[in-house]
Amino acid sequence: MARLGELERAVMDVLWAHDEPMSVRAVHAALSGRDLAYTTVMTVLTRLANKNVVRRAREGRAWLYAPAASREEYVAELMLQALELTGDRGSALVRFAQSVSTDEADALRQALERGEPA
C-alpha cells in the first residue's frame, strides 16, 4: 500500500470521515480552509485511485470516491510493510511493543487473548 503525502492524507481524512462516497466537489468543499484549486483536489483523487487507495465509480457525469480500506486497515498494512523491511521481525515487534503506552499495550494484549485482529 502506498504511503501518502500531506495533501493525500488530508483528502483521505475527509473520505474516512464520511460514510458515503464523495464527489470531487464535495471533497473540495470539505477542504475549503486549505485554499486549494478544484483541479488540485481532482488530481489528488485521481492519483489515489491509481494507487488503489480509493475506489471510484461514475454517477452520472461525476466520479464518486470512497476509501478502498478503513483508516485502521490502511495503517495496519503500512505497519506490516515496515516489518518486511527488517530481517528480524521478532526483534522489530519487541522494539515496537516496548515503545507503546500502557493503554496501547493493554489493547494489544486483549486483542491477542481474544484471538482477533487488533
N, C-alpha and C. Protein backbone atom coordinates (compact mmCIF):
# COMPACT_ATOMS: atom_id res chain seq x y z
N MET A 1 0.85 -1.17 0.00
CA MET A 1 0.00 0.00 0.00
C MET A 1 0.89 1.23 0.00
N ALA A 2 0.48 2.22 -0.75
CA ALA A 2 1.29 3.41 -0.92
C ALA A 2 1.26 4.31 0.31
N ARG A 3 2.42 4.89 0.61
CA ARG A 3 2.47 5.91 1.66
C ARG A 3 1.87 7.18 1.09
N LEU A 4 1.26 7.98 1.93
CA LEU A 4 0.56 9.17 1.49
C LEU A 4 1.34 10.43 1.82
N GLY A 5 1.29 11.37 0.89
CA GLY A 5 1.83 12.70 1.16
C GLY A 5 0.86 13.49 2.02
N GLU A 6 1.26 14.69 2.40
CA GLU A 6 0.45 15.51 3.32
C GLU A 6 -0.92 15.84 2.73
N LEU A 7 -0.98 16.24 1.48
CA LEU A 7 -2.27 16.57 0.86
C LEU A 7 -3.12 15.32 0.64
N GLU A 8 -2.48 14.23 0.27
CA GLU A 8 -3.21 12.97 0.12
C GLU A 8 -3.82 12.55 1.46
N ARG A 9 -3.08 12.72 2.55
CA ARG A 9 -3.62 12.39 3.88
C ARG A 9 -4.82 13.26 4.22
N ALA A 10 -4.75 14.54 3.87
CA ALA A 10 -5.87 15.44 4.14
C ALA A 10 -7.12 15.00 3.37
N VAL A 11 -6.93 14.61 2.12
CA VAL A 11 -8.05 14.13 1.31
C VAL A 11 -8.60 12.84 1.90
N MET A 12 -7.71 11.93 2.29
CA MET A 12 -8.17 10.67 2.88
C MET A 12 -8.89 10.91 4.20
N ASP A 13 -8.44 11.87 4.99
CA ASP A 13 -9.14 12.20 6.25
C ASP A 13 -10.59 12.59 5.97
N VAL A 14 -10.79 13.36 4.90
CA VAL A 14 -12.16 13.74 4.52
C VAL A 14 -12.96 12.51 4.14
N LEU A 15 -12.38 11.65 3.30
CA LEU A 15 -13.11 10.46 2.85
C LEU A 15 -13.39 9.51 4.01
N TRP A 16 -12.41 9.32 4.89
CA TRP A 16 -12.61 8.43 6.04
C TRP A 16 -13.67 8.97 7.00
N ALA A 17 -13.87 10.27 7.01
CA ALA A 17 -14.85 10.88 7.92
C ALA A 17 -16.28 10.75 7.41
N HIS A 18 -16.46 10.30 6.18
CA HIS A 18 -17.79 10.20 5.59
C HIS A 18 -18.13 8.74 5.28
N ASP A 19 -19.38 8.39 5.49
CA ASP A 19 -19.83 7.02 5.25
C ASP A 19 -20.14 6.74 3.79
N GLU A 20 -20.42 7.78 3.04
CA GLU A 20 -20.83 7.63 1.64
C GLU A 20 -19.72 8.11 0.71
N PRO A 21 -19.66 7.54 -0.51
CA PRO A 21 -18.70 8.06 -1.49
C PRO A 21 -18.95 9.54 -1.75
N MET A 22 -17.88 10.24 -2.09
CA MET A 22 -17.96 11.69 -2.27
C MET A 22 -17.47 12.11 -3.65
N SER A 23 -18.06 13.16 -4.16
CA SER A 23 -17.63 13.74 -5.42
C SER A 23 -16.41 14.62 -5.18
N VAL A 24 -15.73 14.97 -6.26
CA VAL A 24 -14.60 15.90 -6.16
C VAL A 24 -15.08 17.20 -5.54
N ARG A 25 -16.24 17.66 -5.98
CA ARG A 25 -16.78 18.92 -5.47
C ARG A 25 -16.99 18.86 -3.96
N ALA A 26 -17.52 17.76 -3.46
CA ALA A 26 -17.76 17.62 -2.02
C ALA A 26 -16.45 17.57 -1.24
N VAL A 27 -15.46 16.86 -1.76
CA VAL A 27 -14.15 16.80 -1.09
C VAL A 27 -13.52 18.19 -1.10
N HIS A 28 -13.59 18.86 -2.24
CA HIS A 28 -13.05 20.22 -2.36
C HIS A 28 -13.71 21.15 -1.34
N ALA A 29 -15.02 21.05 -1.18
CA ALA A 29 -15.73 21.89 -0.21
C ALA A 29 -15.28 21.57 1.21
N ALA A 30 -15.06 20.30 1.50
CA ALA A 30 -14.63 19.90 2.84
C ALA A 30 -13.22 20.41 3.16
N LEU A 31 -12.45 20.67 2.13
CA LEU A 31 -11.08 21.17 2.29
C LEU A 31 -11.00 22.68 2.06
N SER A 32 -12.12 23.38 2.16
CA SER A 32 -12.19 24.80 1.79
C SER A 32 -11.20 25.66 2.56
N GLY A 33 -10.87 25.30 3.78
CA GLY A 33 -9.93 26.08 4.57
C GLY A 33 -8.50 26.02 4.06
N ARG A 34 -8.23 25.12 3.14
CA ARG A 34 -6.86 24.95 2.63
C ARG A 34 -6.59 25.76 1.37
N ASP A 35 -7.60 26.43 0.83
CA ASP A 35 -7.45 27.27 -0.36
C ASP A 35 -6.82 26.50 -1.53
N LEU A 36 -7.41 25.34 -1.84
CA LEU A 36 -6.93 24.51 -2.95
C LEU A 36 -7.80 24.71 -4.18
N ALA A 37 -7.19 24.61 -5.33
CA ALA A 37 -7.96 24.64 -6.57
C ALA A 37 -8.74 23.34 -6.71
N TYR A 38 -9.90 23.44 -7.33
CA TYR A 38 -10.72 22.27 -7.60
C TYR A 38 -9.92 21.22 -8.36
N THR A 39 -9.15 21.67 -9.36
CA THR A 39 -8.37 20.74 -10.18
C THR A 39 -7.28 20.04 -9.38
N THR A 40 -6.77 20.70 -8.35
CA THR A 40 -5.77 20.06 -7.48
C THR A 40 -6.40 18.88 -6.74
N VAL A 41 -7.59 19.09 -6.19
CA VAL A 41 -8.29 18.03 -5.47
C VAL A 41 -8.62 16.89 -6.44
N MET A 42 -9.05 17.24 -7.65
CA MET A 42 -9.35 16.23 -8.66
C MET A 42 -8.10 15.41 -9.00
N THR A 43 -6.97 16.06 -9.14
CA THR A 43 -5.72 15.36 -9.45
C THR A 43 -5.31 14.43 -8.31
N VAL A 44 -5.43 14.91 -7.08
CA VAL A 44 -5.07 14.08 -5.92
C VAL A 44 -5.97 12.85 -5.86
N LEU A 45 -7.27 13.01 -6.06
CA LEU A 45 -8.19 11.87 -6.04
C LEU A 45 -7.88 10.89 -7.16
N THR A 46 -7.55 11.39 -8.33
CA THR A 46 -7.18 10.52 -9.45
C THR A 46 -5.92 9.72 -9.12
N ARG A 47 -4.94 10.37 -8.55
CA ARG A 47 -3.70 9.68 -8.16
C ARG A 47 -3.96 8.63 -7.08
N LEU A 48 -4.83 8.96 -6.11
CA LEU A 48 -5.17 7.99 -5.07
C LEU A 48 -5.90 6.79 -5.68
N ALA A 49 -6.72 7.03 -6.67
CA ALA A 49 -7.41 5.93 -7.36
C ALA A 49 -6.39 5.07 -8.11
N ASN A 50 -5.42 5.70 -8.76
CA ASN A 50 -4.39 4.95 -9.48
C ASN A 50 -3.51 4.13 -8.54
N LYS A 51 -3.36 4.59 -7.29
CA LYS A 51 -2.59 3.85 -6.28
C LYS A 51 -3.45 2.81 -5.56
N ASN A 52 -4.73 2.73 -5.93
CA ASN A 52 -5.69 1.80 -5.31
C ASN A 52 -5.94 2.11 -3.84
N VAL A 53 -5.79 3.36 -3.45
CA VAL A 53 -6.08 3.78 -2.08
C VAL A 53 -7.55 4.17 -1.97
N VAL A 54 -8.12 4.64 -3.07
CA VAL A 54 -9.55 4.92 -3.13
C VAL A 54 -10.16 4.14 -4.29
N ARG A 55 -11.46 3.90 -4.16
CA ARG A 55 -12.25 3.33 -5.26
C ARG A 55 -13.06 4.47 -5.85
N ARG A 56 -13.27 4.40 -7.14
CA ARG A 56 -14.12 5.42 -7.74
C ARG A 56 -15.14 4.77 -8.66
N ALA A 57 -16.29 5.39 -8.70
CA ALA A 57 -17.38 4.90 -9.53
C ALA A 57 -18.08 6.10 -10.15
N ARG A 58 -18.54 5.92 -11.35
CA ARG A 58 -19.20 7.01 -12.04
C ARG A 58 -20.67 7.07 -11.63
N GLU A 59 -21.10 8.28 -11.32
CA GLU A 59 -22.52 8.54 -11.06
C GLU A 59 -22.91 9.72 -11.94
N GLY A 60 -23.63 9.42 -13.01
CA GLY A 60 -23.92 10.47 -13.98
C GLY A 60 -22.64 10.92 -14.64
N ARG A 61 -22.37 12.21 -14.59
CA ARG A 61 -21.14 12.73 -15.18
C ARG A 61 -20.01 12.84 -14.17
N ALA A 62 -20.31 12.62 -12.91
CA ALA A 62 -19.31 12.80 -11.85
C ALA A 62 -18.74 11.47 -11.39
N TRP A 63 -17.50 11.52 -10.93
CA TRP A 63 -16.89 10.39 -10.25
C TRP A 63 -17.15 10.54 -8.76
N LEU A 64 -17.44 9.42 -8.10
CA LEU A 64 -17.56 9.39 -6.65
C LEU A 64 -16.41 8.57 -6.10
N TYR A 65 -15.85 9.04 -5.00
CA TYR A 65 -14.66 8.41 -4.42
C TYR A 65 -14.95 7.93 -3.01
N ALA A 66 -14.40 6.76 -2.69
CA ALA A 66 -14.53 6.18 -1.34
C ALA A 66 -13.22 5.48 -1.00
N PRO A 67 -12.87 5.43 0.26
CA PRO A 67 -11.64 4.73 0.65
C PRO A 67 -11.71 3.25 0.27
N ALA A 68 -10.60 2.72 -0.18
CA ALA A 68 -10.53 1.29 -0.51
C ALA A 68 -10.42 0.46 0.77
N ALA A 69 -9.99 1.07 1.85
CA ALA A 69 -9.84 0.40 3.14
C ALA A 69 -10.09 1.42 4.24
N SER A 70 -10.44 0.92 5.42
CA SER A 70 -10.61 1.82 6.56
C SER A 70 -9.25 2.40 6.95
N ARG A 71 -9.27 3.45 7.72
CA ARG A 71 -8.03 4.05 8.22
C ARG A 71 -7.21 3.01 8.98
N GLU A 72 -7.89 2.22 9.82
CA GLU A 72 -7.20 1.22 10.63
C GLU A 72 -6.56 0.14 9.74
N GLU A 73 -7.28 -0.30 8.71
CA GLU A 73 -6.72 -1.29 7.79
C GLU A 73 -5.53 -0.73 7.04
N TYR A 74 -5.63 0.53 6.62
CA TYR A 74 -4.54 1.19 5.91
C TYR A 74 -3.28 1.26 6.78
N VAL A 75 -3.45 1.71 8.02
CA VAL A 75 -2.29 1.85 8.93
C VAL A 75 -1.70 0.48 9.24
N ALA A 76 -2.56 -0.52 9.46
CA ALA A 76 -2.05 -1.87 9.74
C ALA A 76 -1.23 -2.39 8.57
N GLU A 77 -1.67 -2.13 7.36
CA GLU A 77 -0.92 -2.57 6.17
C GLU A 77 0.43 -1.88 6.10
N LEU A 78 0.47 -0.58 6.42
CA LEU A 78 1.75 0.13 6.44
C LEU A 78 2.70 -0.47 7.48
N MET A 79 2.15 -0.84 8.64
CA MET A 79 2.97 -1.44 9.69
C MET A 79 3.52 -2.79 9.23
N LEU A 80 2.69 -3.57 8.55
CA LEU A 80 3.17 -4.87 8.05
C LEU A 80 4.25 -4.68 6.99
N GLN A 81 4.09 -3.68 6.15
CA GLN A 81 5.12 -3.40 5.15
C GLN A 81 6.43 -2.98 5.82
N ALA A 82 6.33 -2.20 6.88
CA ALA A 82 7.53 -1.79 7.61
C ALA A 82 8.22 -3.01 8.22
N LEU A 83 7.46 -3.97 8.72
CA LEU A 83 8.05 -5.18 9.28
C LEU A 83 8.80 -5.99 8.22
N GLU A 84 8.33 -5.92 6.98
CA GLU A 84 9.00 -6.64 5.90
C GLU A 84 10.39 -6.08 5.61
N LEU A 85 10.65 -4.85 6.05
CA LEU A 85 11.94 -4.22 5.79
C LEU A 85 13.05 -4.74 6.70
N THR A 86 12.67 -5.42 7.76
CA THR A 86 13.67 -5.92 8.70
C THR A 86 13.95 -7.39 8.45
N GLY A 87 15.14 -7.79 8.78
CA GLY A 87 15.48 -9.21 8.67
C GLY A 87 15.03 -9.99 9.89
N ASP A 88 14.65 -9.30 10.93
CA ASP A 88 14.27 -9.93 12.19
C ASP A 88 12.96 -9.31 12.67
N ARG A 89 11.85 -9.85 12.18
CA ARG A 89 10.53 -9.31 12.52
C ARG A 89 10.27 -9.37 14.02
N GLY A 90 10.72 -10.45 14.66
CA GLY A 90 10.50 -10.60 16.09
C GLY A 90 11.13 -9.47 16.88
N SER A 91 12.37 -9.15 16.56
CA SER A 91 13.05 -8.05 17.27
C SER A 91 12.36 -6.72 17.00
N ALA A 92 11.93 -6.51 15.79
CA ALA A 92 11.23 -5.27 15.46
C ALA A 92 9.91 -5.18 16.23
N LEU A 93 9.20 -6.29 16.33
CA LEU A 93 7.94 -6.29 17.09
C LEU A 93 8.18 -6.02 18.57
N VAL A 94 9.22 -6.63 19.12
CA VAL A 94 9.54 -6.40 20.53
C VAL A 94 9.88 -4.94 20.75
N ARG A 95 10.68 -4.37 19.88
CA ARG A 95 11.07 -2.95 20.00
C ARG A 95 9.82 -2.07 19.92
N PHE A 96 8.92 -2.40 18.99
CA PHE A 96 7.67 -1.65 18.87
C PHE A 96 6.85 -1.76 20.16
N ALA A 97 6.70 -2.98 20.65
CA ALA A 97 5.90 -3.22 21.86
C ALA A 97 6.46 -2.45 23.05
N GLN A 98 7.78 -2.31 23.11
CA GLN A 98 8.40 -1.58 24.21
C GLN A 98 8.18 -0.08 24.11
N SER A 99 7.79 0.40 22.92
CA SER A 99 7.65 1.84 22.72
C SER A 99 6.20 2.32 22.86
N VAL A 100 5.24 1.41 22.99
CA VAL A 100 3.84 1.84 23.08
C VAL A 100 3.48 2.17 24.52
N SER A 101 2.40 2.92 24.68
CA SER A 101 1.93 3.28 26.02
C SER A 101 1.32 2.06 26.70
N THR A 102 1.08 2.18 27.98
CA THR A 102 0.47 1.10 28.74
C THR A 102 -0.92 0.77 28.20
N ASP A 103 -1.70 1.81 27.88
CA ASP A 103 -3.04 1.59 27.33
C ASP A 103 -2.98 0.87 25.98
N GLU A 104 -2.02 1.25 25.14
CA GLU A 104 -1.88 0.60 23.83
C GLU A 104 -1.44 -0.85 24.01
N ALA A 105 -0.53 -1.10 24.95
CA ALA A 105 -0.09 -2.47 25.23
C ALA A 105 -1.25 -3.31 25.73
N ASP A 106 -2.09 -2.73 26.59
CA ASP A 106 -3.27 -3.44 27.09
C ASP A 106 -4.23 -3.78 25.95
N ALA A 107 -4.43 -2.85 25.03
CA ALA A 107 -5.32 -3.10 23.88
C ALA A 107 -4.78 -4.24 23.03
N LEU A 108 -3.47 -4.26 22.79
CA LEU A 108 -2.85 -5.34 22.02
C LEU A 108 -3.00 -6.67 22.75
N ARG A 109 -2.72 -6.65 24.03
CA ARG A 109 -2.81 -7.88 24.83
C ARG A 109 -4.23 -8.44 24.80
N GLN A 110 -5.21 -7.59 24.99
CA GLN A 110 -6.60 -8.04 24.99
C GLN A 110 -7.01 -8.60 23.63
N ALA A 111 -6.59 -7.95 22.55
CA ALA A 111 -6.91 -8.44 21.21
C ALA A 111 -6.27 -9.81 20.96
N LEU A 112 -5.03 -9.98 21.41
CA LEU A 112 -4.34 -11.26 21.24
C LEU A 112 -5.01 -12.36 22.07
N GLU A 113 -5.43 -12.02 23.28
CA GLU A 113 -6.11 -13.00 24.14
C GLU A 113 -7.45 -13.44 23.55
N ARG A 114 -8.13 -12.51 22.88
CA ARG A 114 -9.41 -12.84 22.25
C ARG A 114 -9.22 -13.55 20.91
N GLY A 115 -7.98 -13.54 20.41
CA GLY A 115 -7.70 -14.20 19.14
C GLY A 115 -8.25 -13.46 17.95
N GLU A 116 -8.44 -12.17 18.09
CA GLU A 116 -8.99 -11.39 16.98
C GLU A 116 -7.94 -10.40 16.51
N PRO A 117 -8.10 -9.93 15.28
CA PRO A 117 -7.16 -8.93 14.78
C PRO A 117 -7.24 -7.67 15.62
N ALA A 118 -6.09 -7.06 15.89
CA ALA A 118 -6.05 -5.83 16.70
C ALA A 118 -6.59 -4.66 15.90
